[in-house]
Amino acid sequence: MGDRYLSVTQLTQYIHRKFTHDPYLQVVYLRGEISNYNSRRNYQNQYFKLKDEHAVIQAIMFQNISKHLQFELEEGMSVLVRGRVDVYEPYGTYQIYVEEIQPEGIGNLFLAYEQTKKKLAAEGLFDPKYKKTLPIFPKKIGVITSASGAVIKDIQTTIARRYPIAQIYLFPTLVQGKKAAEDLEKNIKRAAAYPDLDLLIIARGGGSFEDLYPFSEEKVVRAIFETKRPIISAIGHETDLSLSELAADLRAPTPTAAAELATPRLLDIQETLNRHELQLEKNIRYLLDGYYNTLEKLSMSYIFKNPQRLYDTYIQRVDLITGQLQHQLNYILKENMAFYDYLNNRLTRAGDMLPIQFIYQNVINLEENLRQLSRQYRQIQNEKLRRLQDSLIMLSPYHVLERGYAIVEQNQRSIQMSSDLEIEQPFVVKFSMEDAIWAKQIKDNKNEGE
């Protein structure tokens, strides 16, 4: 019998699940009068009751909702509420969790706002992946707002102070009233089609929900979304939130803030450039110092002081290879001559057995083969020798002379700077081989003339 009985907790949890899974209780639009309301400090949860003539329901509005309210709640105020109904398990009571609240006077308008918001959100018009990146250095900025009032003046003043090289193009439009939405749509499209604009700002000052509603109409929101240029919105105060701001690429709390977000601060740019310039100069000096130290070390190396040492080893190697080639050539010739003598002896012994003409022809063929083999071997070895000589020439410091340089020597040492020359002492200037021959011809002609 005990299994039939539930605990209070189990019953409450069951009721809670019923509330949670009932779709009609997840989004509830409720009309009622505020009761038992005691205003708490800003940014805290708000607790009150909603009642009508026959019933009362507990209500809670969390601080993330209450801090964005555009009006003050008052005892006895008739309101329109959107929220969800659920059970508060510790007390076993049901209550409505308020997600949005408006005075009842604009209930129909608020409902239209919610319906439009839900529809456009489902289509992805507010999706962050479609947000465009703002240009870092805009040259031309289009502003869609009223031609009169403080908004355009604040934007102009802020941009002139921060980034005076930017040009502002005003697209005057209605920002309030029945025709405002149509005019906003027209001017947004007009600004979007205007050539060479880098950025658009759509802005107006604060106002009531009704005043700002044109910025939440579907035609205006779609015009913003379809614009190819980046758009910053600054509509109403920070606590106001129109659908245009959800569709824009960036939202600013005020028109002044929009101008600041749209432009860099020129003084900051200049300071950054100055820092980069100093760092660049520092890096260049560091590189030059490193190259100078490397050059100094190289200029003190033995190769530059005694360049002939660079190819001493290669000269010895060439002599060694030349000797080896000659030895191998003599060996091959010796082997071929021995084979020739062997064949000649065989021919002599077989002279009576073979026709003289056949023997003679054989000898000629053998001699020709021997000459071809000798030529081929010499060509191969000469080619190897030529490559080694070319490598040696390329490594020679005198090869540099062929490009128009010269080596100055005094007292059998290389002179690197003119200050190293001893005054009234002879010195030698070494040119390339062709220049040396030309200089010798001039000298010979001069001697003949004398």
Protein backbone atom coordinates (compact mmCIF):
# COMPACT_ATOMS: atom_id res chain seq x y z
CA MET A 1 0.00 0.00 0.00
CA GLY A 2 2.89 2.39 0.69
CA ASP A 3 3.97 2.34 -2.97
CA ARG A 4 0.81 4.24 -3.96
CA TYR A 5 1.80 7.30 -2.02
CA LEU A 6 4.01 10.02 -3.49
CA SER A 7 6.17 12.38 -1.59
CA VAL A 8 5.46 16.08 -1.82
CA THR A 9 8.70 16.50 -3.76
CA GLN A 10 7.74 13.80 -6.28
CA LEU A 11 4.34 15.37 -6.85
CA THR A 12 5.87 18.82 -7.28
CA GLN A 13 8.47 17.50 -9.73
CA TYR A 14 5.73 15.79 -11.72
CA ILE A 15 3.73 19.02 -11.93
CA HIS A 16 6.93 20.87 -12.89
CA ARG A 17 7.50 18.47 -15.80
CA LYS A 18 3.92 19.01 -16.92
CA PHE A 19 4.46 22.76 -16.99
CA THR A 20 7.80 22.39 -18.77
CA HIS A 21 6.47 20.17 -21.54
CA ASP A 22 3.31 22.14 -22.19
CA PRO A 23 4.07 24.39 -25.24
CA TYR A 24 1.21 26.73 -24.35
CA LEU A 25 2.94 27.61 -21.10
CA GLN A 26 6.38 28.31 -22.60
CA VAL A 27 5.32 31.51 -24.40
CA VAL A 28 2.43 33.21 -22.65
CA TYR A 29 1.06 36.69 -23.42
CA LEU A 30 -0.68 37.99 -20.32
CA ARG A 31 -2.62 41.14 -19.48
CA GLY A 32 -2.90 42.18 -15.84
CA GLU A 33 -2.47 44.76 -13.14
CA ILE A 34 0.67 45.04 -11.04
CA SER A 35 0.11 44.30 -7.37
CA ASN A 36 2.32 44.00 -4.27
CA TYR A 37 5.16 45.73 -6.12
CA ASN A 38 8.07 47.13 -4.14
CA SER A 39 10.75 48.65 -6.35
CA ARG A 40 14.12 47.14 -5.56
CA ARG A 41 17.53 48.54 -6.32
CA ASN A 42 18.40 48.71 -10.03
CA TYR A 43 19.82 45.58 -11.65
CA GLN A 44 18.18 43.20 -9.15
CA ASN A 45 15.41 40.66 -9.62
CA GLN A 46 11.90 42.16 -9.34
CA TYR A 47 9.03 40.29 -7.61
CA PHE A 48 5.35 41.27 -7.88
CA LYS A 49 1.88 39.90 -8.67
CA LEU A 50 -0.36 40.21 -11.70
CA LYS A 51 -4.08 40.21 -11.06
CA ASP A 52 -7.43 40.85 -12.64
CA GLU A 53 -10.93 40.83 -11.13
CA HIS A 54 -10.95 37.11 -10.34
CA ALA A 55 -7.39 35.75 -10.07
CA VAL A 56 -3.79 36.47 -9.05
CA ILE A 57 -0.48 35.00 -10.28
CA GLN A 58 3.01 35.45 -8.87
CA ALA A 59 5.52 37.12 -11.24
CA ILE A 60 9.32 37.39 -11.27
CA MET A 61 11.46 39.50 -13.61
CA PHE A 62 15.18 38.73 -13.50
CA GLN A 63 17.74 41.52 -13.45
CA ASN A 64 18.92 40.92 -17.04
CA ILE A 65 15.39 41.92 -18.11
CA SER A 66 14.68 44.61 -15.55
CA LYS A 67 17.83 46.60 -16.28
CA HIS A 68 16.66 47.16 -19.88
CA LEU A 69 13.19 48.46 -18.99
CA GLN A 70 12.24 51.66 -20.76
CA PHE A 71 9.79 52.73 -18.03
CA GLU A 72 9.30 52.47 -14.28
CA LEU A 73 6.90 49.85 -12.90
CA GLU A 74 4.23 51.22 -10.58
CA GLU A 75 1.63 49.70 -8.28
CA GLY A 76 -1.68 49.31 -10.09
CA MET A 77 -0.19 49.77 -13.59
CA SER A 78 -1.92 47.77 -16.35
CA VAL A 79 0.70 45.95 -18.36
CA LEU A 80 1.17 43.46 -21.17
CA VAL A 81 3.58 40.68 -20.31
CA ARG A 82 5.31 38.00 -22.30
CA GLY A 83 6.89 35.14 -20.38
CA ARG A 84 6.71 31.47 -19.44
CA VAL A 85 4.78 29.77 -16.67
CA ASP A 86 6.52 27.25 -14.44
CA VAL A 87 6.45 25.80 -10.92
CA TYR A 88 8.71 27.03 -8.16
CA GLU A 89 9.35 23.64 -6.56
CA PRO A 90 10.44 24.66 -3.03
CA TYR A 91 7.03 26.27 -2.39
CA GLY A 92 4.98 24.27 -4.87
CA THR A 93 3.58 27.43 -6.43
CA TYR A 94 3.33 28.34 -10.07
CA GLN A 95 4.45 31.74 -11.36
CA ILE A 96 5.16 33.59 -14.57
CA TYR A 97 8.78 34.40 -15.46
CA VAL A 98 8.54 37.78 -17.18
CA GLU A 99 10.71 38.14 -20.29
CA GLU A 100 9.17 41.36 -21.67
CA ILE A 101 6.74 43.87 -20.23
CA GLN A 102 5.05 46.95 -21.69
CA PRO A 103 2.33 49.33 -20.58
CA GLU A 104 -1.00 48.12 -21.90
CA GLY A 105 -1.50 51.24 -24.00
CA ILE A 106 0.87 49.90 -26.68
CA GLY A 107 -0.02 46.24 -26.46
CA ASN A 108 -0.93 45.81 -30.12
CA LEU A 109 2.22 47.59 -31.28
CA PHE A 110 4.37 45.51 -28.99
CA LEU A 111 2.78 42.31 -30.26
CA ALA A 112 3.48 43.38 -33.85
CA TYR A 113 7.08 44.07 -32.81
CA GLU A 114 7.42 40.56 -31.36
CA GLN A 115 5.86 38.90 -34.39
CA THR A 116 8.14 40.77 -36.79
CA LYS A 117 11.17 39.99 -34.64
CA LYS A 118 10.37 36.28 -34.57
CA LYS A 119 9.75 36.14 -38.32
CA LEU A 120 12.96 37.97 -39.31
CA ALA A 121 15.05 36.06 -36.78
CA ALA A 122 13.85 32.79 -38.31
CA GLU A 123 14.98 34.05 -41.73
CA GLY A 124 18.44 34.80 -40.34
CA LEU A 125 18.40 38.61 -40.65
CA PHE A 126 19.93 38.95 -37.20
CA ASP A 127 22.48 36.15 -37.59
CA PRO A 128 26.02 37.32 -36.63
CA LYS A 129 27.54 35.46 -39.59
CA TYR A 130 26.09 38.12 -41.92
CA LYS A 131 27.65 41.04 -40.06
CA LYS A 132 30.09 43.02 -42.19
CA THR A 133 33.44 44.31 -40.96
CA LEU A 134 33.82 48.06 -40.58
CA PRO A 135 36.57 49.79 -42.59
CA ILE A 136 39.53 50.94 -40.51
CA PHE A 137 40.06 54.24 -42.33
CA PRO A 138 36.74 55.37 -43.90
CA LYS A 139 37.01 58.28 -46.33
CA LYS A 140 33.31 58.89 -46.97
CA ILE A 141 30.58 58.28 -44.38
CA GLY A 142 26.84 58.42 -45.13
CA VAL A 143 24.52 59.47 -42.29
CA ILE A 144 20.80 58.65 -42.41
CA THR A 145 18.98 60.84 -39.88
CA SER A 146 16.95 64.00 -39.51
CA ALA A 147 18.48 67.12 -41.05
CA SER A 148 17.60 69.09 -37.94
CA GLY A 149 18.29 68.32 -34.33
CA ALA A 150 21.24 67.37 -32.20
CA VAL A 151 21.96 63.96 -33.76
CA ILE A 152 23.62 65.14 -36.98
CA LYS A 153 25.47 67.89 -35.11
CA ASP A 154 26.85 65.41 -32.57
CA ILE A 155 28.03 63.11 -35.35
CA GLN A 156 29.64 65.95 -37.31
CA THR A 157 31.35 67.36 -34.21
CA THR A 158 32.69 63.97 -33.12
CA ILE A 159 34.07 63.04 -36.56
CA ALA A 160 35.61 66.50 -37.03
CA ARG A 161 37.37 66.12 -33.69
CA ARG A 162 38.56 62.53 -34.14
CA TYR A 163 39.08 62.09 -37.87
CA PRO A 164 38.70 65.39 -39.76
CA ILE A 165 39.84 63.95 -43.10
CA ALA A 166 36.60 61.94 -43.42
CA GLN A 167 33.74 63.41 -45.50
CA ILE A 168 30.14 63.24 -44.24
CA TYR A 169 27.19 62.80 -46.63
CA LEU A 170 23.81 63.48 -45.04
CA PHE A 171 20.67 61.69 -46.27
CA PRO A 172 17.89 63.64 -44.48
CA THR A 173 14.93 61.46 -43.54
CA LEU A 174 11.88 61.33 -41.33
CA VAL A 175 12.59 59.51 -38.08
CA GLN A 176 9.12 59.61 -36.50
CA GLY A 177 5.51 59.36 -37.60
CA LYS A 178 3.39 57.29 -39.97
CA LYS A 179 5.51 58.04 -43.06
CA ALA A 180 8.84 57.56 -41.29
CA ALA A 181 9.25 53.86 -42.18
CA GLU A 182 8.71 54.47 -45.89
CA ASP A 183 11.11 57.43 -45.88
CA LEU A 184 13.72 55.45 -43.93
CA GLU A 185 13.56 52.57 -46.41
CA LYS A 186 13.94 54.95 -49.36
CA ASN A 187 16.94 56.77 -47.92
CA ILE A 188 18.70 53.58 -46.79
CA LYS A 189 18.50 52.26 -50.35
CA ARG A 190 19.54 55.65 -51.72
CA ALA A 191 22.60 55.76 -49.45
CA ALA A 192 23.46 52.16 -50.30
CA ALA A 193 23.49 53.04 -54.01
CA TYR A 194 25.52 56.24 -53.56
CA PRO A 195 29.02 55.76 -55.08
CA ASP A 196 32.20 55.45 -52.99
CA LEU A 197 30.63 55.52 -49.52
CA ASP A 198 32.68 53.38 -47.12
CA LEU A 199 30.24 53.28 -44.22
CA LEU A 200 26.66 54.20 -43.23
CA ILE A 201 25.28 55.44 -39.89
CA ILE A 202 21.55 55.32 -39.19
CA ALA A 203 20.64 57.33 -36.08
CA ARG A 204 18.05 59.23 -34.09
CA GLY A 205 17.65 60.48 -30.54
CA GLY A 206 15.68 58.89 -27.72
CA GLY A 207 11.91 58.48 -27.60
CA SER A 208 9.04 56.27 -26.59
CA PHE A 209 8.38 52.81 -28.00
CA GLU A 210 5.86 54.30 -30.43
CA ASP A 211 8.36 56.97 -31.55
CA LEU A 212 11.04 54.39 -32.27
CA TYR A 213 8.75 51.80 -33.84
CA PRO A 214 9.39 52.87 -37.48
CA PHE A 215 12.93 51.50 -37.03
CA SER A 216 11.40 48.10 -36.21
CA GLU A 217 9.14 47.83 -39.24
CA GLU A 218 9.93 44.97 -41.59
CA LYS A 219 10.61 47.07 -44.70
CA VAL A 220 13.23 49.15 -42.84
CA VAL A 221 14.94 46.11 -41.29
CA ARG A 222 15.13 44.33 -44.67
CA ALA A 223 16.58 47.43 -46.34
CA ILE A 224 19.37 47.49 -43.72
CA PHE A 225 20.06 43.77 -44.08
CA GLU A 226 20.24 43.96 -47.89
CA THR A 227 22.68 46.89 -47.89
CA LYS A 228 26.13 45.84 -49.07
CA ARG A 229 27.93 48.56 -47.14
CA PRO A 230 28.59 48.27 -43.37
CA ILE A 231 25.98 50.00 -41.20
CA ILE A 232 26.23 51.28 -37.63
CA SER A 233 22.92 51.88 -35.85
CA ALA A 234 22.41 54.39 -33.03
CA ILE A 235 18.67 54.56 -32.39
CA GLY A 236 17.29 55.89 -29.12
CA HIS A 237 19.12 55.37 -25.86
CA GLU A 238 21.17 52.40 -24.75
CA THR A 239 18.16 50.69 -23.15
CA ASP A 240 16.11 50.97 -26.36
CA LEU A 241 16.37 48.13 -28.85
CA SER A 242 14.82 48.39 -32.29
CA LEU A 243 14.90 45.63 -34.89
CA SER A 244 17.05 47.85 -37.11
CA GLU A 245 19.78 47.61 -34.51
CA LEU A 246 19.59 43.82 -34.57
CA ALA A 247 19.99 43.83 -38.36
CA ALA A 248 22.80 46.42 -38.45
CA ASP A 249 26.44 45.33 -38.50
CA LEU A 250 27.20 47.17 -35.26
CA ARG A 251 25.06 48.81 -32.59
CA ALA A 252 26.10 51.98 -30.80
CA PRO A 253 24.39 53.24 -27.62
CA THR A 254 24.30 56.85 -28.85
CA PRO A 255 24.89 58.80 -32.10
CA THR A 256 28.14 60.15 -30.62
CA ALA A 257 29.28 56.63 -29.86
CA ALA A 258 28.41 55.64 -33.45
CA ALA A 259 30.68 58.37 -34.79
CA GLU A 260 33.46 57.16 -32.49
CA LEU A 261 33.03 53.55 -33.61
CA ALA A 262 33.02 54.61 -37.26
CA THR A 263 36.30 56.52 -37.19
CA PRO A 264 39.76 56.09 -35.72
CA ARG A 265 41.36 58.82 -33.66
CA LEU A 266 43.83 60.69 -35.88
CA LEU A 267 46.15 61.46 -32.97
CA ASP A 268 46.27 57.75 -32.10
CA ILE A 269 47.18 56.94 -35.71
CA GLN A 270 49.96 59.52 -35.67
CA GLU A 271 51.30 58.18 -32.37
CA THR A 272 51.22 54.63 -33.75
CA LEU A 273 53.06 55.72 -36.89
CA ASN A 274 55.68 57.50 -34.79
CA ARG A 275 56.21 54.36 -32.69
CA HIS A 276 56.55 52.24 -35.81
CA GLU A 277 58.96 54.75 -37.33
CA LEU A 278 61.18 54.67 -34.23
CA GLN A 279 61.05 50.88 -34.13
CA LEU A 280 61.88 50.70 -37.84
CA GLU A 281 64.87 53.00 -37.40
CA LYS A 282 66.02 50.90 -34.44
CA ASN A 283 65.70 47.69 -36.47
CA ILE A 284 67.59 49.19 -39.43
CA ARG A 285 70.40 50.40 -37.17
CA TYR A 286 70.58 46.96 -35.60
CA LEU A 287 70.80 45.28 -39.01
CA LEU A 288 73.40 47.75 -40.29
CA ASP A 289 75.51 47.27 -37.17
CA GLY A 290 75.34 43.52 -37.68
CA TYR A 291 76.32 43.78 -41.34
CA TYR A 292 79.14 46.20 -40.49
CA ASN A 293 80.52 43.83 -37.86
CA THR A 294 80.33 40.94 -40.31
CA LEU A 295 82.08 42.98 -42.98
CA GLU A 296 84.76 43.98 -40.51
CA LYS A 297 85.37 40.35 -39.54
CA LEU A 298 85.53 39.29 -43.17
CA SER A 299 87.92 42.10 -44.09
CA MET A 300 90.29 40.90 -41.32
CA SER A 301 90.25 37.28 -42.51
CA TYR A 302 93.36 35.77 -44.06
CA ILE A 303 91.61 35.30 -47.44
CA PHE A 304 91.46 39.02 -48.05
CA LYS A 305 94.93 39.65 -46.68
CA ASN A 306 96.53 36.75 -48.56
CA PRO A 307 94.15 35.80 -51.39
CA GLN A 308 96.71 33.52 -53.05
CA ARG A 309 96.31 31.06 -50.17
CA LEU A 310 92.77 30.44 -51.32
CA TYR A 311 93.85 28.43 -54.34
CA ASP A 312 97.20 26.96 -53.22
CA THR A 313 95.51 23.66 -52.39
CA TYR A 314 93.75 23.57 -55.76
CA ILE A 315 97.05 24.11 -57.63
CA GLN A 316 98.54 21.14 -55.83
CA ARG A 317 95.43 19.12 -56.59
CA VAL A 318 95.64 20.00 -60.31
CA ASP A 319 99.32 18.92 -60.37
CA LEU A 320 98.42 15.66 -58.65
CA ILE A 321 95.57 14.92 -61.05
CA THR A 322 97.71 15.84 -64.06
CA GLY A 323 100.39 13.41 -62.88
CA GLN A 324 97.78 10.70 -62.35
CA LEU A 325 96.36 11.24 -65.82
CA GLN A 326 99.80 11.05 -67.38
CA HIS A 327 100.58 7.90 -65.44
CA GLN A 328 97.31 6.28 -66.50
CA LEU A 329 97.85 7.31 -70.11
CA ASN A 330 101.35 5.80 -70.11
CA TYR A 331 100.01 2.64 -68.53
CA ILE A 332 97.30 2.30 -71.20
CA LEU A 333 99.79 2.93 -73.99
CA LYS A 334 102.13 0.39 -72.47
CA GLU A 335 99.36 -2.19 -72.25
CA ASN A 336 98.29 -1.53 -75.82
CA MET A 337 101.88 -1.75 -77.08
CA ALA A 338 102.34 -5.06 -75.26
CA PHE A 339 99.13 -6.36 -76.82
CA TYR A 340 100.33 -5.09 -80.16
CA ASP A 341 103.66 -6.93 -79.76
CA TYR A 342 101.75 -10.06 -78.75
CA LEU A 343 99.60 -9.88 -81.85
CA ASN A 344 102.59 -9.09 -84.02
CA ASN A 345 104.43 -12.16 -82.71
CA ARG A 346 101.39 -14.29 -83.37
CA LEU A 347 101.16 -12.91 -86.87
CA THR A 348 104.84 -13.60 -87.43
CA ARG A 349 104.44 -17.17 -86.25
CA ALA A 350 101.33 -17.62 -88.30
CA GLY A 351 102.69 -15.81 -91.31
CA ASP A 352 102.83 -18.91 -93.37
CA MET A 353 99.30 -19.87 -92.36
CA LEU A 354 97.47 -16.53 -92.98
CA PRO A 355 97.38 -14.42 -96.06
CA ILE A 356 99.58 -11.36 -95.75
CA GLN A 357 96.73 -9.10 -96.81
CA PHE A 358 94.47 -10.35 -93.99
CA ILE A 359 97.21 -9.88 -91.40
CA TYR A 360 97.97 -6.42 -92.65
CA GLN A 361 94.33 -5.39 -92.48
CA ASN A 362 94.07 -6.75 -88.93
CA VAL A 363 97.03 -4.69 -87.86
CA ILE A 364 95.54 -1.57 -89.38
CA ASN A 365 92.23 -2.15 -87.57
CA LEU A 366 93.99 -2.68 -84.27
CA GLU A 367 96.04 0.49 -84.70
CA GLU A 368 92.91 2.48 -85.51
CA ASN A 369 91.10 1.09 -82.43
CA LEU A 370 94.10 1.97 -80.32
CA ARG A 371 94.14 5.54 -81.62
CA GLN A 372 90.39 5.97 -81.02
CA LEU A 373 90.63 4.65 -77.49
CA SER A 374 93.57 6.95 -76.79
CA ARG A 375 91.69 9.97 -78.17
CA GLN A 376 88.55 9.18 -76.19
CA TYR A 377 90.51 8.73 -72.99
CA ARG A 378 92.42 11.95 -73.50
CA GLN A 379 89.18 13.83 -74.23
CA ILE A 380 87.58 12.51 -71.04
CA GLN A 381 90.59 13.36 -68.93
CA ASN A 382 91.03 16.78 -70.60
CA GLU A 383 87.37 17.58 -69.88
CA LYS A 384 87.84 16.69 -66.20
CA LEU A 385 90.99 18.82 -66.15
CA ARG A 386 89.13 21.74 -67.80
CA ARG A 387 86.32 21.61 -65.21
CA LEU A 388 88.83 21.62 -62.39
CA GLN A 389 90.67 24.57 -63.95
CA ASP A 390 87.36 26.47 -64.36
CA SER A 391 86.52 25.84 -60.71
CA LEU A 392 89.97 27.04 -59.72
CA ILE A 393 89.60 30.20 -61.81
CA MET A 394 86.19 30.95 -60.28
CA LEU A 395 87.66 30.67 -56.79
CA SER A 396 90.61 32.91 -57.68
CA PRO A 397 90.37 36.43 -56.29
CA TYR A 398 91.81 37.62 -59.61
CA HIS A 399 88.63 36.50 -61.29
CA VAL A 400 86.94 39.49 -59.65
CA LEU A 401 89.27 41.70 -61.70
CA GLU A 402 87.43 40.65 -64.86
CA ARG A 403 84.42 42.64 -63.63
CA GLY A 404 86.38 45.90 -63.60
CA TYR A 405 87.94 45.79 -60.14
CA ALA A 406 91.64 46.20 -59.33
CA ILE A 407 93.95 45.15 -56.49
CA VAL A 408 96.30 47.69 -54.97
CA GLU A 409 99.45 46.36 -53.24
CA GLN A 410 102.27 48.10 -51.44
CA ASN A 411 105.18 46.42 -49.75
CA GLN A 412 103.70 43.02 -50.71
CA ARG A 413 100.45 43.55 -48.83
CA SER A 414 96.91 44.34 -50.04
CA ILE A 415 95.66 47.90 -49.52
CA GLN A 416 92.00 48.14 -48.48
CA MET A 417 91.68 51.88 -47.81
CA SER A 418 93.49 54.90 -49.25
CA SER A 419 94.58 55.86 -45.75
CA ASP A 420 96.64 52.64 -45.59
CA LEU A 421 99.01 53.85 -48.42
CA GLU A 422 102.42 55.09 -47.37
CA ILE A 423 103.18 58.50 -48.80
CA GLU A 424 105.94 58.76 -51.47
CA GLN A 425 106.25 54.98 -51.62
CA PRO A 426 105.63 53.02 -54.85
CA PHE A 427 102.60 50.78 -55.09
CA VAL A 428 101.25 48.28 -57.63
CA VAL A 429 97.79 48.22 -59.24
CA LYS A 430 96.73 44.84 -60.64
CA PHE A 431 94.10 44.83 -63.40
CA SER A 432 92.44 42.02 -65.29
CA MET A 433 94.52 40.05 -67.80
CA GLU A 434 93.15 42.00 -70.80
CA ASP A 435 93.80 45.34 -69.10
CA ALA A 436 97.29 44.19 -68.25
CA ILE A 437 98.00 43.31 -71.94
CA TRP A 438 96.59 46.66 -73.04
CA ALA A 439 98.70 48.49 -70.50
CA LYS A 440 101.80 46.58 -71.69
CA GLN A 441 101.09 47.56 -75.32
CA ILE A 442 100.85 51.20 -74.34
CA LYS A 443 104.18 50.91 -72.55
CA ASP A 444 105.86 49.17 -75.54
CA ASN A 445 104.53 51.79 -77.96
CA LYS A 446 105.80 54.50 -75.69
CA ASN A 447 109.28 52.92 -75.61
CA GLU A 448 109.33 52.62 -79.41
CA GLY A 449 108.41 56.29 -79.71
CA GLU A 450 111.28 57.21 -77.51
